[in-house]
Structures are given as structure tokens and as C-alpha cells.
C-alpha atoms as a PDB file:
ATOM      1  CA  MET A   1     -31.189   4.038  -8.342  1.00  0.00           C
ATOM      2  CA  SER A   2     -27.599   3.727  -7.094  1.00  0.00           C
ATOM      3  CA  ASN A   3     -26.846   3.198  -3.421  1.00  0.00           C
ATOM      4  CA  ILE A   4     -25.003   6.332  -2.268  1.00  0.00           C
ATOM      5  CA  ALA A   5     -23.757   7.321   1.171  1.00  0.00           C
ATOM      6  CA  ILE A   6     -22.069  10.540   2.269  1.00  0.00           C
ATOM      7  CA  VAL A   7     -19.146  10.632   4.703  1.00  0.00           C
ATOM      8  CA  ILE A   8     -18.239  13.767   6.680  1.00  0.00           C
ATOM      9  CA  LEU A   9     -15.177  14.052   8.911  1.00  0.00           C
ATOM     10  CA  ASN A  10     -15.609  16.339  11.914  1.00  0.00           C
ATOM     11  CA  TYR A  11     -12.854  17.861  14.010  1.00  0.00           C
ATOM     12  CA  LEU A  12     -13.779  20.513  16.602  1.00  0.00           C
ATOM     13  CA  ASN A  13     -16.179  22.619  14.501  1.00  0.00           C
ATOM     14  CA  TYR A  14     -19.388  20.630  14.890  1.00  0.00           C
ATOM     15  CA  GLU A  15     -21.519  23.675  14.041  1.00  0.00           C
ATOM     16  CA  ASP A  16     -20.210  23.597  10.462  1.00  0.00           C
ATOM     17  CA  THR A  17     -20.841  19.852  10.410  1.00  0.00           C
ATOM     18  CA  VAL A  18     -24.465  20.409  11.400  1.00  0.00           C
ATOM     19  CA  GLU A  19     -24.901  22.968   8.614  1.00  0.00           C
ATOM     20  CA  CYS A  20     -23.390  20.525   6.115  1.00  0.00           C
ATOM     21  CA  VAL A  21     -25.624  17.642   7.254  1.00  0.00           C
ATOM     22  CA  GLU A  22     -28.753  19.791   7.173  1.00  0.00           C
ATOM     23  CA  SER A  23     -27.971  20.917   3.616  1.00  0.00           C
ATOM     24  CA  ILE A  24     -27.680  17.249   2.586  1.00  0.00           C
ATOM     25  CA  LEU A  25     -31.007  16.381   4.185  1.00  0.00           C
ATOM     26  CA  HIS A  26     -32.658  19.050   2.026  1.00  0.00           C
ATOM     27  CA  MET A  27     -31.199  17.762  -1.232  1.00  0.00           C
ATOM     28  CA  HIS A  28     -33.197  16.348  -4.116  1.00  0.00           C
ATOM     29  CA  TYR A  29     -31.488  12.956  -4.280  1.00  0.00           C
ATOM     30  CA  SER A  30     -32.408  10.164  -1.866  1.00  0.00           C
ATOM     31  CA  ILE A  31     -29.262   8.706  -0.265  1.00  0.00           C
ATOM     32  CA  CYS A  32     -28.901   5.574   1.852  1.00  0.00           C
ATOM     33  CA  GLY A  33     -27.252   7.371   4.754  1.00  0.00           C
ATOM     34  CA  ILE A  34     -24.894  10.012   6.138  1.00  0.00           C
ATOM     35  CA  VAL A  35     -21.900   8.915   8.212  1.00  0.00           C
ATOM     36  CA  VAL A  36     -20.288  11.567  10.408  1.00  0.00           C
ATOM     37  CA  VAL A  37     -16.931  10.587  11.910  1.00  0.00           C
ATOM     38  CA  ASP A  38     -15.735  12.689  14.813  1.00  0.00           C
ATOM     39  CA  ASN A  39     -11.954  12.548  14.601  1.00  0.00           C
ATOM     40  CA  GLY A  40     -11.125  12.584  18.306  1.00  0.00           C
ATOM     41  CA  SER A  41     -12.262  16.161  18.954  1.00  0.00           C
ATOM     42  CA  PRO A  42     -11.220  17.311  22.444  1.00  0.00           C
ATOM     43  CA  ASN A  43     -14.370  19.442  22.767  1.00  0.00           C
ATOM     44  CA  ARG A  44     -18.042  18.366  22.939  1.00  0.00           C
ATOM     45  CA  SER A  45     -18.365  17.743  19.192  1.00  0.00           C
ATOM     46  CA  TYR A  46     -19.200  14.045  19.414  1.00  0.00           C
ATOM     47  CA  ILE A  47     -21.665  14.495  22.284  1.00  0.00           C
ATOM     48  CA  ASN A  48     -23.443  17.394  20.582  1.00  0.00           C
ATOM     49  CA  LEU A  49     -23.657  15.640  17.209  1.00  0.00           C
ATOM     50  CA  ARG A  50     -24.883  12.398  18.738  1.00  0.00           C
ATOM     51  CA  GLU A  51     -27.522  14.248  20.738  1.00  0.00           C
ATOM     52  CA  ARG A  52     -28.740  16.244  17.731  1.00  0.00           C
ATOM     53  CA  TYR A  53     -29.155  13.237  15.433  1.00  0.00           C
ATOM     54  CA  LYS A  54     -30.045  10.502  17.909  1.00  0.00           C
ATOM     55  CA  ASN A  55     -33.582  10.264  16.478  1.00  0.00           C
ATOM     56  CA  ASN A  56     -32.580  10.531  12.826  1.00  0.00           C
ATOM     57  CA  ASP A  57     -32.013   7.111  11.253  1.00  0.00           C
ATOM     58  CA  ALA A  58     -30.463   8.718   8.173  1.00  0.00           C
ATOM     59  CA  VAL A  59     -27.448   9.994  10.158  1.00  0.00           C
ATOM     60  CA  THR A  60     -24.871   7.829  11.933  1.00  0.00           C
ATOM     61  CA  ILE A  61     -22.342   9.416  14.295  1.00  0.00           C
ATOM     62  CA  LEU A  62     -19.067   7.533  14.780  1.00  0.00           C
ATOM     63  CA  ARG A  63     -16.069   8.436  16.863  1.00  0.00           C
ATOM     64  CA  SER A  64     -12.319   7.877  16.726  1.00  0.00           C
ATOM     65  CA  ASN A  65     -10.592   7.869  20.111  1.00  0.00           C
ATOM     66  CA  LYS A  66      -7.933  10.237  18.800  1.00  0.00           C
ATOM     67  CA  ASN A  67      -7.216  12.442  15.786  1.00  0.00           C
ATOM     68  CA  ILE A  68      -5.923   9.942  13.230  1.00  0.00           C
ATOM     69  CA  GLY A  69      -5.799  12.390  10.327  1.00  0.00           C
ATOM     70  CA  TYR A  70      -7.882  13.130   7.258  1.00  0.00           C
ATOM     71  CA  ALA A  71      -7.325   9.903   5.302  1.00  0.00           C
ATOM     72  CA  LYS A  72      -7.775   7.378   8.117  1.00  0.00           C
ATOM     73  CA  GLY A  73     -10.667   9.330   9.610  1.00  0.00           C
ATOM     74  CA  ASN A  74     -12.573   9.314   6.322  1.00  0.00           C
ATOM     75  CA  ASN A  75     -11.709   5.651   5.790  1.00  0.00           C
ATOM     76  CA  ILE A  76     -13.588   4.785   8.992  1.00  0.00           C
ATOM     77  CA  GLY A  77     -16.690   6.357   7.477  1.00  0.00           C
ATOM     78  CA  ILE A  78     -16.132   4.749   4.058  1.00  0.00           C
ATOM     79  CA  GLU A  79     -15.840   1.282   5.596  1.00  0.00           C
ATOM     80  CA  TYR A  80     -19.028   1.796   7.613  1.00  0.00           C
ATOM     81  CA  ALA A  81     -20.942   3.165   4.618  1.00  0.00           C
ATOM     82  CA  ARG A  82     -19.983   0.235   2.408  1.00  0.00           C
ATOM     83  CA  LYS A  83     -20.622  -2.462   5.015  1.00  0.00           C
ATOM     84  CA  GLN A  84     -23.645  -1.128   6.878  1.00  0.00           C
ATOM     85  CA  TYR A  85     -25.367   0.933   4.177  1.00  0.00           C
ATOM     86  CA  LYS A  86     -24.190  -1.300   1.304  1.00  0.00           C
ATOM     87  CA  ALA A  87     -23.171   1.854  -0.549  1.00  0.00           C
ATOM     88  CA  ASP A  88     -21.912   1.460  -4.127  1.00  0.00           C
ATOM     89  CA  PHE A  89     -20.847   5.115  -4.312  1.00  0.00           C
ATOM     90  CA  VAL A  90     -19.418   7.087  -1.378  1.00  0.00           C
ATOM     91  CA  LEU A  91     -19.289  10.873  -1.470  1.00  0.00           C
ATOM     92  CA  ILE A  92     -16.660  12.437   0.799  1.00  0.00           C
ATOM     93  CA  ALA A  93     -17.532  15.989   1.858  1.00  0.00           C
ATOM     94  CA  ASN A  94     -15.531  18.343   4.067  1.00  0.00           C
ATOM     95  CA  ASN A  95     -17.571  19.404   7.068  1.00  0.00           C
ATOM     96  CA  ASP A  96     -17.166  23.073   6.081  1.00  0.00           C
ATOM     97  CA  THR A  97     -19.022  22.520   2.798  1.00  0.00           C
ATOM     98  CA  VAL A  98     -22.667  23.358   2.141  1.00  0.00           C
ATOM     99  CA  PHE A  99     -24.697  21.608  -0.553  1.00  0.00           C
ATOM    100  CA  ILE A 100     -26.211  24.598  -2.335  1.00  0.00           C
ATOM    101  CA  ASP A 101     -27.199  22.569  -5.413  1.00  0.00           C
ATOM    102  CA  GLU A 102     -30.032  20.145  -4.640  1.00  0.00           C
ATOM    103  CA  HIS A 103     -29.161  18.176  -7.792  1.00  0.00           C
ATOM    104  CA  TYR A 104     -25.481  17.837  -6.877  1.00  0.00           C
ATOM    105  CA  ILE A 105     -25.502  14.051  -6.497  1.00  0.00           C
ATOM    106  CA  ASP A 106     -27.572  13.163  -9.548  1.00  0.00           C
ATOM    107  CA  GLY A 107     -25.524  15.695 -11.521  1.00  0.00           C
ATOM    108  CA  LEU A 108     -22.370  13.749 -10.662  1.00  0.00           C
ATOM    109  CA  LEU A 109     -24.006  10.387 -11.312  1.00  0.00           C
ATOM    110  CA  ASN A 110     -25.198  11.485 -14.748  1.00  0.00           C
ATOM    111  CA  ARG A 111     -21.537  11.791 -15.782  1.00  0.00           C
ATOM    112  CA  TYR A 112     -20.459   8.443 -14.388  1.00  0.00           C
ATOM    113  CA  GLN A 113     -19.236   5.849 -16.875  1.00  0.00           C
ATOM    114  CA  LYS A 114     -17.360   2.606 -16.509  1.00  0.00           C
ATOM    115  CA  GLY A 115     -13.677   3.317 -15.933  1.00  0.00           C
ATOM    116  CA  ILE A 116     -14.242   6.478 -13.867  1.00  0.00           C
ATOM    117  CA  GLY A 117     -12.861   6.154 -10.344  1.00  0.00           C
ATOM    118  CA  VAL A 118     -13.662   9.556  -8.820  1.00  0.00           C
ATOM    119  CA  LEU A 119     -16.006  12.436  -9.659  1.00  0.00           C
ATOM    120  CA  GLY A 120     -16.075  16.012  -8.367  1.00  0.00           C
ATOM    121  CA  GLY A 121     -17.945  19.237  -9.039  1.00  0.00           C
ATOM    122  CA  LYS A 122     -17.278  22.962  -9.097  1.00  0.00           C
ATOM    123  CA  ILE A 123     -16.246  24.550  -5.788  1.00  0.00           C
ATOM    124  CA  ILE A 124     -17.836  27.881  -4.842  1.00  0.00           C
ATOM    125  CA  LEU A 125     -15.719  29.979  -2.476  1.00  0.00           C
ATOM    126  CA  GLN A 126     -16.399  33.165  -0.518  1.00  0.00           C
ATOM    127  CA  ASP A 127     -14.632  35.210  -3.193  1.00  0.00           C
ATOM    128  CA  GLY A 128     -15.067  33.219  -6.388  1.00  0.00           C
ATOM    129  CA  GLU A 129     -15.116  29.674  -7.692  1.00  0.00           C
ATOM    130  CA  GLN A 130     -12.637  26.863  -8.250  1.00  0.00           C
ATOM    131  CA  GLY A 131     -12.361  23.973 -10.666  1.00  0.00           C
ATOM    132  CA  PRO A 132      -9.765  21.200 -10.563  1.00  0.00           C
ATOM    133  CA  LEU A 133      -6.489  21.957  -8.825  1.00  0.00           C
ATOM    134  CA  ILE A 134      -3.439  22.354 -11.049  1.00  0.00           C
ATOM    135  CA  CYS A 135      -0.460  20.346  -9.819  1.00  0.00           C
ATOM    136  CA  TYR A 136       2.759  19.491 -11.590  1.00  0.00           C
ATOM    137  CA  GLY A 137       3.559  15.896 -12.303  1.00  0.00           C
ATOM    138  CA  GLY A 138       6.799  14.099 -12.792  1.00  0.00           C
ATOM    139  CA  ILE A 139       9.269  12.869 -10.226  1.00  0.00           C
ATOM    140  CA  LYS A 140      11.416  15.984 -10.555  1.00  0.00           C
ATOM    141  CA  ALA A 141       8.598  18.442  -9.791  1.00  0.00           C
ATOM    142  CA  ILE A 142       7.346  16.533  -6.760  1.00  0.00           C
ATOM    143  CA  LEU A 143      10.883  15.942  -5.461  1.00  0.00           C
ATOM    144  CA  PHE A 144      11.643  19.678  -5.700  1.00  0.00           C
ATOM    145  CA  ARG A 145       8.428  20.422  -3.775  1.00  0.00           C
ATOM    146  CA  PHE A 146       9.582  18.036  -1.068  1.00  0.00           C
ATOM    147  CA  LEU A 147      12.992  19.713  -0.852  1.00  0.00           C
ATOM    148  CA  ASN A 148      11.405  23.180  -0.776  1.00  0.00           C
ATOM    149  CA  VAL A 149       9.231  22.180   2.190  1.00  0.00           C
ATOM    150  CA  ILE A 150      12.360  20.999   4.025  1.00  0.00           C
ATOM    151  CA  SER A 151      14.025  24.293   3.116  1.00  0.00           C
ATOM    152  CA  ALA A 152      11.078  26.281   4.491  1.00  0.00           C
ATOM    153  CA  GLN A 153      11.318  24.397   7.786  1.00  0.00           C
ATOM    154  CA  CYS A 154      15.021  25.229   7.963  1.00  0.00           C
ATOM    155  CA  GLY A 155      14.542  28.941   7.279  1.00  0.00           C
ATOM    156  CA  SER A 156      14.374  28.878   3.456  1.00  0.00           C
ATOM    157  CA  CYS A 157      18.016  28.160   2.746  1.00  0.00           C
ATOM    158  CA  PHE A 158      17.165  27.230  -0.861  1.00  0.00           C
ATOM    159  CA  ASP A 159      14.160  27.317  -3.185  1.00  0.00           C
ATOM    160  CA  PHE A 160      14.126  25.087  -6.253  1.00  0.00           C
ATOM    161  CA  VAL A 161      12.116  26.207  -9.281  1.00  0.00           C
ATOM    162  CA  ILE A 162       9.327  23.686  -9.852  1.00  0.00           C
ATOM    163  CA  ASP A 163       9.276  22.044 -13.273  1.00  0.00           C
ATOM    164  CA  LYS A 164       5.877  22.995 -14.740  1.00  0.00           C
ATOM    165  CA  SER A 165       6.236  21.066 -17.983  1.00  0.00           C
ATOM    166  CA  ILE A 166       3.763  18.367 -16.892  1.00  0.00           C
ATOM    167  CA  PRO A 167       0.625  20.081 -15.513  1.00  0.00           C
ATOM    168  CA  ILE A 168      -2.045  17.735 -14.176  1.00  0.00           C
ATOM    169  CA  LYS A 169      -5.623  18.487 -13.142  1.00  0.00           C
ATOM    170  CA  VAL A 170      -6.576  17.066  -9.759  1.00  0.00           C
ATOM    171  CA  LEU A 171     -10.098  17.053  -8.305  1.00  0.00           C
ATOM    172  CA  HIS A 172     -10.506  19.204  -5.194  1.00  0.00           C
ATOM    173  CA  GLY A 173     -10.590  17.090  -2.038  1.00  0.00           C
ATOM    174  CA  CYS A 174     -13.404  18.975  -0.277  1.00  0.00           C
ATOM    175  CA  SER A 175     -15.913  16.878  -2.238  1.00  0.00           C
ATOM    176  CA  LEU A 176     -15.033  13.599  -3.953  1.00  0.00           C
ATOM    177  CA  MET A 177     -17.375  10.829  -5.087  1.00  0.00           C
ATOM    178  CA  PHE A 178     -15.734   7.392  -5.137  1.00  0.00           C
ATOM    179  CA  THR A 179     -17.285   4.942  -7.592  1.00  0.00           C
ATOM    180  CA  PRO A 180     -17.679   1.142  -7.670  1.00  0.00           C
ATOM    181  CA  ASP A 181     -14.749   1.065 -10.128  1.00  0.00           C
ATOM    182  CA  PHE A 182     -12.535   2.687  -7.491  1.00  0.00           C
ATOM    183  CA  PHE A 183     -13.684   0.282  -4.782  1.00  0.00           C
ATOM    184  CA  LYS A 184     -12.805  -2.715  -6.934  1.00  0.00           C
ATOM    185  CA  ARG A 185      -9.166  -1.608  -6.610  1.00  0.00           C
ATOM    186  CA  TYR A 186      -8.973   0.307  -3.317  1.00  0.00           C
ATOM    187  CA  ASN A 187     -10.794   0.565   0.016  1.00  0.00           C
ATOM    188  CA  GLY A 188     -10.493   4.348   0.335  1.00  0.00           C
ATOM    189  CA  PHE A 189      -7.811   6.986   0.834  1.00  0.00           C
ATOM    190  CA  TYR A 190      -4.156   6.020   1.059  1.00  0.00           C
ATOM    191  CA  PRO A 191      -3.928   5.789   4.864  1.00  0.00           C
ATOM    192  CA  LYS A 192      -0.388   6.985   5.619  1.00  0.00           C
ATOM    193  CA  THR A 193      -0.929  10.747   5.239  1.00  0.00           C
ATOM    194  CA  PHE A 194      -2.208  12.881   8.106  1.00  0.00           C
ATOM    195  CA  LEU A 195      -3.143  16.072   6.257  1.00  0.00           C
ATOM    196  CA  TYR A 196      -2.532  17.481   2.736  1.00  0.00           C
ATOM    197  CA  ASN A 197      -1.650  15.956  -0.651  1.00  0.00           C
ATOM    198  CA  GLU A 198      -4.502  13.419  -0.531  1.00  0.00           C
ATOM    199  CA  GLU A 199      -5.964  14.696  -3.820  1.00  0.00           C
ATOM    200  CA  GLU A 200      -2.712  14.234  -5.689  1.00  0.00           C
ATOM    201  CA  ILE A 201      -2.239  10.746  -4.276  1.00  0.00           C
ATOM    202  CA  ILE A 202      -5.782   9.805  -5.318  1.00  0.00           C
ATOM    203  CA  TYR A 203      -4.936  11.035  -8.829  1.00  0.00           C
ATOM    204  CA  TYR A 204      -1.926   8.711  -9.049  1.00  0.00           C
ATOM    205  CA  MET A 205      -3.814   5.836  -7.417  1.00  0.00           C
ATOM    206  CA  CYS A 206      -6.369   6.101 -10.209  1.00  0.00           C
ATOM    207  CA  LYS A 207      -3.722   6.384 -12.919  1.00  0.00           C
ATOM    208  CA  CYS A 208      -1.967   3.252 -11.656  1.00  0.00           C
ATOM    209  CA  LYS A 209      -5.193   1.285 -12.173  1.00  0.00           C
ATOM    210  CA  LYS A 210      -6.152   2.976 -15.473  1.00  0.00           C
ATOM    211  CA  LEU A 211      -9.061   4.798 -13.857  1.00  0.00           C
ATOM    212  CA  ARG A 212     -10.195   8.273 -14.913  1.00  0.00           C
ATOM    213  CA  GLN A 213     -11.238  11.244 -12.811  1.00  0.00           C
ATOM    214  CA  GLN A 214     -14.261  13.222 -13.979  1.00  0.00           C
ATOM    215  CA  TYR A 215     -14.804  16.923 -13.301  1.00  0.00           C
ATOM    216  CA  VAL A 216     -18.453  18.006 -13.557  1.00  0.00           C
ATOM    217  CA  SER A 217     -18.621  21.758 -14.067  1.00  0.00           C
ATOM    218  CA  ASP A 218     -22.397  22.172 -13.912  1.00  0.00           C
ATOM    219  CA  VAL A 219     -22.870  21.083 -10.279  1.00  0.00           C
ATOM    220  CA  ARG A 220     -21.706  23.254  -7.378  1.00  0.00           C
ATOM    221  CA  ILE A 221     -20.875  22.970  -3.705  1.00  0.00           C
ATOM    222  CA  PHE A 222     -19.979  25.848  -1.370  1.00  0.00           C
ATOM    223  CA  HIS A 223     -16.710  25.547   0.567  1.00  0.00           C
ATOM    224  CA  LYS A 224     -15.893  27.820   3.517  1.00  0.00           C
ATOM    225  CA  GLU A 225     -12.227  26.697   3.424  1.00  0.00           C
ATOM    226  CA  ASP A 226      -9.826  25.645   6.202  1.00  0.00           C
ATOM    227  CA  ARG A 227     -12.257  26.003   9.103  1.00  0.00           C
ATOM    228  CA  SER A 228     -11.073  22.954  11.051  1.00  0.00           C
ATOM    229  CA  SER A 229      -7.382  23.740  10.547  1.00  0.00           C
ATOM    230  CA  LEU A 230      -8.050  27.312  11.666  1.00  0.00           C
ATOM    231  CA  MET A 231      -9.627  26.064  14.905  1.00  0.00           C
ATOM    232  CA  SER A 232      -7.014  23.334  15.370  1.00  0.00           C
ATOM    233  CA  PHE A 233      -3.729  25.122  14.694  1.00  0.00           C
ATOM    234  CA  GLN A 234      -4.727  28.610  13.472  1.00  0.00           C
ATOM    235  CA  ASN A 235      -3.367  27.719   9.996  1.00  0.00           C
ATOM    236  CA  ASP A 236       0.121  28.243  11.389  1.00  0.00           C
ATOM    237  CA  GLU A 237       2.643  28.023   8.546  1.00  0.00           C
ATOM    238  CA  GLN A 238       5.075  25.887  10.533  1.00  0.00           C
ATOM    239  CA  VAL A 239       2.367  23.328  11.282  1.00  0.00           C
ATOM    240  CA  ILE A 240       1.246  23.336   7.653  1.00  0.00           C
ATOM    241  CA  ASN A 241       4.827  22.697   6.535  1.00  0.00           C
ATOM    242  CA  LYS A 242       5.138  19.887   9.061  1.00  0.00           C
ATOM    243  CA  TYR A 243       2.064  18.068   7.752  1.00  0.00           C
ATOM    244  CA  ASP A 244       2.974  18.843   4.134  1.00  0.00           C
ATOM    245  CA  LEU A 245       6.458  17.373   4.590  1.00  0.00           C
ATOM    246  CA  GLN A 246       4.990  14.278   6.208  1.00  0.00           C
ATOM    247  CA  SER A 247       2.592  13.645   3.317  1.00  0.00           C
ATOM    248  CA  VAL A 248       4.396  14.900   0.190  1.00  0.00           C
ATOM    249  CA  LYS A 249       6.852  11.996   0.431  1.00  0.00           C
ATOM    250  CA  TYR A 250       3.909   9.661  -0.213  1.00  0.00           C
ATOM    251  CA  ALA A 251       2.878  11.747  -3.222  1.00  0.00           C
ATOM    252  CA  ILE A 252       6.422  11.219  -4.524  1.00  0.00           C
ATOM    253  CA  TRP A 253       6.087   7.497  -3.913  1.00  0.00           C
ATOM    254  CA  TRP A 254       2.777   7.259  -5.798  1.00  0.00           C
ATOM    255  CA  ALA A 255       4.091   9.384  -8.657  1.00  0.00           C
ATOM    256  CA  PHE A 256       7.119   7.078  -8.874  1.00  0.00           C
ATOM    257  CA  LYS A 257       4.850   4.006  -8.917  1.00  0.00           C
ATOM    258  CA  TYR A 258       2.791   5.512 -11.731  1.00  0.00           C
ATOM    259  CA  TYR A 259       5.750   6.453 -13.912  1.00  0.00           C
ATOM    260  CA  ILE A 260       7.267   2.984 -13.422  1.00  0.00           C
ATOM    261  CA  PHE A 261       3.865   1.499 -14.313  1.00  0.00           C
ATOM    262  CA  GLN A 262       3.599   3.756 -17.361  1.00  0.00           C
ATOM    263  CA  HIS A 263       7.089   2.747 -18.516  1.00  0.00           C
ATOM    264  CA  MET A 264       6.219  -0.947 -18.153  1.00  0.00           C
ATOM    265  CA  VAL A 265       2.999  -0.528 -20.182  1.00  0.00           C
ATOM    266  CA  ARG A 266       4.856   1.261 -22.966  1.00  0.00           C
ATOM    267  CA  SER A 267       7.530  -1.444 -23.010  1.00  0.00           C
ATOM    268  CA  ILE A 268       4.874  -4.170 -23.294  1.00  0.00           C
ATOM    269  CA  ASP A 269       3.112  -2.259 -26.079  1.00  0.00           C
ATOM    270  CA  ARG A 270       6.344  -2.148 -28.070  1.00  0.00           C
ATOM    271  CA  LEU A 271       6.783  -5.936 -27.910  1.00  0.00           C
END
């Protein structure tokens, strides 16, 4: 049996976090531990979570002194899970998810093979379901996205048409299982983003190391969607654009690294 830990990042909405944790505790698969990281919530989230699970050895509650963003916050939990729980696999779950499939973890593990860096399942929403996200690769497409975000912040003075000639399928970030293959190359999420574009960066991180991502359509997790951002900044479009602009430049950087890497591999193959 593989050593698996689950990491949940909490910000403000600890009630959703409790529901997520309780759904994990009722799952079929035996895990080595759950790590909840409170990301500097200014309310009583950390106190309430620590009090609720103080007698449960399966749940560890950690705390960041301030909100350090999605990537760094999850990385705190990943580091703890790997060092303290000796986890080989780490499943990242948004705190507004509910594990409705008791075989979710073993369903993902059954599809794991050497060379797979990340696995993810089907996302069930309030009004439907969702598979992998469709993004558009290539430097040009990502650069135009970056410029369009700048335009939106300046009052939409221009709007470039995104080149959709290179569609890529990216696993949804609300639930991602990192494998031992991934941890041989990386320690977790790319730490420079605060919010948004992490899934796309993970995609390019895997591609740069010749790792695959695996979508598993026959396991499901329920996602309430954007609950923490709604409580934090009411999903205000200006704030979203601010965080998107801050992070999309790193997606451009990783895309550039991959296409340079791809060009080098092709050049070597031709020798």
C-alpha cells in the first residue's frame, strides 16, 4: 500500500474545510495523514480547526503567519507530509471540495504508472461536471493573454485574439495528486505565484521533465467553486485581474522554458 497524505489549504472559510476533512475521514482508502494549512486567516479559522481536531492524530493543523498565496501555502503542507508522514504521494485538495467517491484515491492510484507526475479526477460542480481544463499553448497565445490582462486593468484599450492552434489539456487544480516521479524533480508548486495559473505551470513543469499528466474520468470529487475568493475579495474582477497578471508572467516563463527544451531535444534527435 502506498503512503499517501492529503493537503488542504484553508483561508477564512473553515466550515468548508471541516466538511472536506470529514468527507476524507469517511473514505475507503487508508491514508497516512491529513495536513490542513491555515494561510494566515484573520478570523478564528486556525483556532477553530485546531480545537476541533486536537484529539485526532490523523489530522495536523499548521499555520502560516500571513497569507502567502496558494502555491506557497500548499507547499508548507507538502513539505510536512513528505517529512513527517513520509508520504510518497501527496493529494492537494481545495478546502471547498467534498470527497463524494469513497474510492477516489485508489481509483487514481490504479491509473498510476512510471512517468506520470500528476493525476486528477472528474470535477462535479453545482450545475454539471468538468474534465481537464482547455488552455492554449505556445508563447504567442500566453503572451497575448498577458497583454489582454494588462489591457483589462487599463480599461480594455485593446483585446488580442488568442491563438487557439495549440490546445492543451490541463488537470483542474482543485484536486491534484503528485506522484513520486514528480517529487524526484520538484518539491511542490512553483512558489512565485500568489493565485491563478498554477495548473498551467504544473503542466509545463511536467513537460520540461518528460512527465505525463493522467486524467481519471471514473473517479469524482465535488467542487463548490471559489468559496475562499468570494469571502476574501468577493471575486472582484479587478482583484482577479491583479492576481492573474502577477502569475501569468510565470506561465509565460515556463512555456518558454518548455519550448526551448523541446527545440533542444529535437535538435539532438536530428544529430
